[in-house]
Amino acid sequence: MMDDYSFGWHIGMSLVWLVFLIVVAYLIYKLIKQEKIFAPSRQVAKSAEDILSERYAKGELTRDQYMQMKEDLKKDQ
């Protein structure tokens, strides 16, 4: 025969597990919705001019180098 303390303990633990399962289900839902796990990356390929501009913005190229490379790219097109 169960006493009041034992019954309360079972209800409490059941609620803890229920909350835990709800949190896990929510996290799985958010991961799937953000498509970070199951969907392939949707990055668009950068053009050579975009990459060149990024390198110039980062300071990897001087202005002269940037202008020369930009001209070279326009000649190739």
C-alpha atoms as a PDB file:
ATOM      1  CA  MET A   1       0.000   0.000   0.000  1.00  0.00           C
ATOM      2  CA  MET A   2       1.406   3.413  -0.980  1.00  0.00           C
ATOM      3  CA  ASP A   3       1.531   6.208   1.537  1.00  0.00           C
ATOM      4  CA  ASP A   4       1.148   9.910   0.702  1.00  0.00           C
ATOM      5  CA  TYR A   5       4.907  10.546   0.583  1.00  0.00           C
ATOM      6  CA  SER A   6       5.544   7.770  -1.953  1.00  0.00           C
ATOM      7  CA  PHE A   7       2.660   8.905  -4.163  1.00  0.00           C
ATOM      8  CA  GLY A   8       3.966  12.478  -4.191  1.00  0.00           C
ATOM      9  CA  TRP A   9       7.456  11.284  -5.063  1.00  0.00           C
ATOM     10  CA  HIS A  10       6.167   9.367  -8.095  1.00  0.00           C
ATOM     11  CA  ILE A  11       4.154  12.357  -9.323  1.00  0.00           C
ATOM     12  CA  GLY A  12       7.160  14.663  -8.847  1.00  0.00           C
ATOM     13  CA  MET A  13       9.550  12.409 -10.742  1.00  0.00           C
ATOM     14  CA  SER A  14       7.018  11.945 -13.517  1.00  0.00           C
ATOM     15  CA  LEU A  15       6.785  15.719 -13.883  1.00  0.00           C
ATOM     16  CA  VAL A  16      10.573  16.047 -13.962  1.00  0.00           C
ATOM     17  CA  TRP A  17      10.797  13.501 -16.778  1.00  0.00           C
ATOM     18  CA  LEU A  18       7.933  15.163 -18.631  1.00  0.00           C
ATOM     19  CA  VAL A  19       9.644  18.559 -18.469  1.00  0.00           C
ATOM     20  CA  PHE A  20      12.942  16.979 -19.568  1.00  0.00           C
ATOM     21  CA  LEU A  21      11.307  15.318 -22.591  1.00  0.00           C
ATOM     22  CA  ILE A  22       9.546  18.557 -23.549  1.00  0.00           C
ATOM     23  CA  VAL A  23      12.855  20.459 -23.422  1.00  0.00           C
ATOM     24  CA  VAL A  24      14.619  17.817 -25.544  1.00  0.00           C
ATOM     25  CA  ALA A  25      11.785  17.811 -28.090  1.00  0.00           C
ATOM     26  CA  TYR A  26      11.892  21.624 -28.261  1.00  0.00           C
ATOM     27  CA  LEU A  27      15.656  21.638 -28.855  1.00  0.00           C
ATOM     28  CA  ILE A  28      15.346  19.049 -31.614  1.00  0.00           C
ATOM     29  CA  TYR A  29      12.546  21.101 -33.201  1.00  0.00           C
ATOM     30  CA  LYS A  30      14.688  24.268 -33.130  1.00  0.00           C
ATOM     31  CA  LEU A  31      17.670  22.485 -34.681  1.00  0.00           C
ATOM     32  CA  ILE A  32      15.562  21.049 -37.480  1.00  0.00           C
ATOM     33  CA  LYS A  33      13.808  24.365 -38.070  1.00  0.00           C
ATOM     34  CA  GLN A  34      17.132  26.186 -38.362  1.00  0.00           C
ATOM     35  CA  GLU A  35      18.296  23.465 -40.762  1.00  0.00           C
ATOM     36  CA  LYS A  36      21.748  23.386 -39.235  1.00  0.00           C
ATOM     37  CA  ILE A  37      21.918  19.606 -39.110  1.00  0.00           C
ATOM     38  CA  PHE A  38      19.797  18.109 -41.862  1.00  0.00           C
ATOM     39  CA  ALA A  39      19.926  20.659 -44.676  1.00  0.00           C
ATOM     40  CA  PRO A  40      22.993  21.233 -46.810  1.00  0.00           C
ATOM     41  CA  SER A  41      24.685  24.587 -46.616  1.00  0.00           C
ATOM     42  CA  ARG A  42      23.008  27.226 -48.729  1.00  0.00           C
ATOM     43  CA  GLN A  43      26.014  29.421 -49.254  1.00  0.00           C
ATOM     44  CA  VAL A  44      26.112  31.120 -52.591  1.00  0.00           C
ATOM     45  CA  ALA A  45      29.415  30.875 -54.413  1.00  0.00           C
ATOM     46  CA  LYS A  46      31.319  34.137 -54.227  1.00  0.00           C
ATOM     47  CA  SER A  47      32.583  35.771 -57.342  1.00  0.00           C
ATOM     48  CA  ALA A  48      36.263  36.546 -57.757  1.00  0.00           C
ATOM     49  CA  GLU A  49      35.481  40.244 -57.408  1.00  0.00           C
ATOM     50  CA  ASP A  50      33.675  39.633 -54.098  1.00  0.00           C
ATOM     51  CA  ILE A  51      36.642  37.697 -52.744  1.00  0.00           C
ATOM     52  CA  LEU A  52      38.995  40.428 -53.912  1.00  0.00           C
ATOM     53  CA  SER A  53      36.890  43.092 -52.195  1.00  0.00           C
ATOM     54  CA  GLU A  54      36.845  41.092 -48.964  1.00  0.00           C
ATOM     55  CA  ARG A  55      40.619  40.696 -49.007  1.00  0.00           C
ATOM     56  CA  TYR A  56      41.019  44.444 -49.541  1.00  0.00           C
ATOM     57  CA  ALA A  57      38.589  45.177 -46.705  1.00  0.00           C
ATOM     58  CA  LYS A  58      40.557  42.884 -44.379  1.00  0.00           C
ATOM     59  CA  GLY A  59      43.757  44.736 -45.219  1.00  0.00           C
ATOM     60  CA  GLU A  60      45.397  41.803 -46.972  1.00  0.00           C
ATOM     61  CA  LEU A  61      45.936  43.908 -50.106  1.00  0.00           C
ATOM     62  CA  THR A  62      47.148  47.436 -50.664  1.00  0.00           C
ATOM     63  CA  ARG A  63      45.052  49.819 -52.735  1.00  0.00           C
ATOM     64  CA  ASP A  64      47.441  49.457 -55.683  1.00  0.00           C
ATOM     65  CA  GLN A  65      47.272  45.663 -55.543  1.00  0.00           C
ATOM     66  CA  TYR A  66      43.487  45.787 -55.289  1.00  0.00           C
ATOM     67  CA  MET A  67      43.108  48.138 -58.273  1.00  0.00           C
ATOM     68  CA  GLN A  68      45.524  46.082 -60.398  1.00  0.00           C
ATOM     69  CA  MET A  69      43.787  42.794 -59.616  1.00  0.00           C
ATOM     70  CA  LYS A  70      40.390  44.349 -60.242  1.00  0.00           C
ATOM     71  CA  GLU A  71      41.553  45.523 -63.666  1.00  0.00           C
ATOM     72  CA  ASP A  72      42.939  42.070 -64.407  1.00  0.00           C
ATOM     73  CA  LEU A  73      39.587  40.513 -63.569  1.00  0.00           C
ATOM     74  CA  LYS A  74      37.745  42.886 -65.854  1.00  0.00           C
ATOM     75  CA  LYS A  75      40.137  42.060 -68.698  1.00  0.00           C
ATOM     76  CA  ASP A  76      39.480  38.349 -68.273  1.00  0.00           C
ATOM     77  CA  GLN A  77      35.724  38.797 -68.709  1.00  0.00           C
END
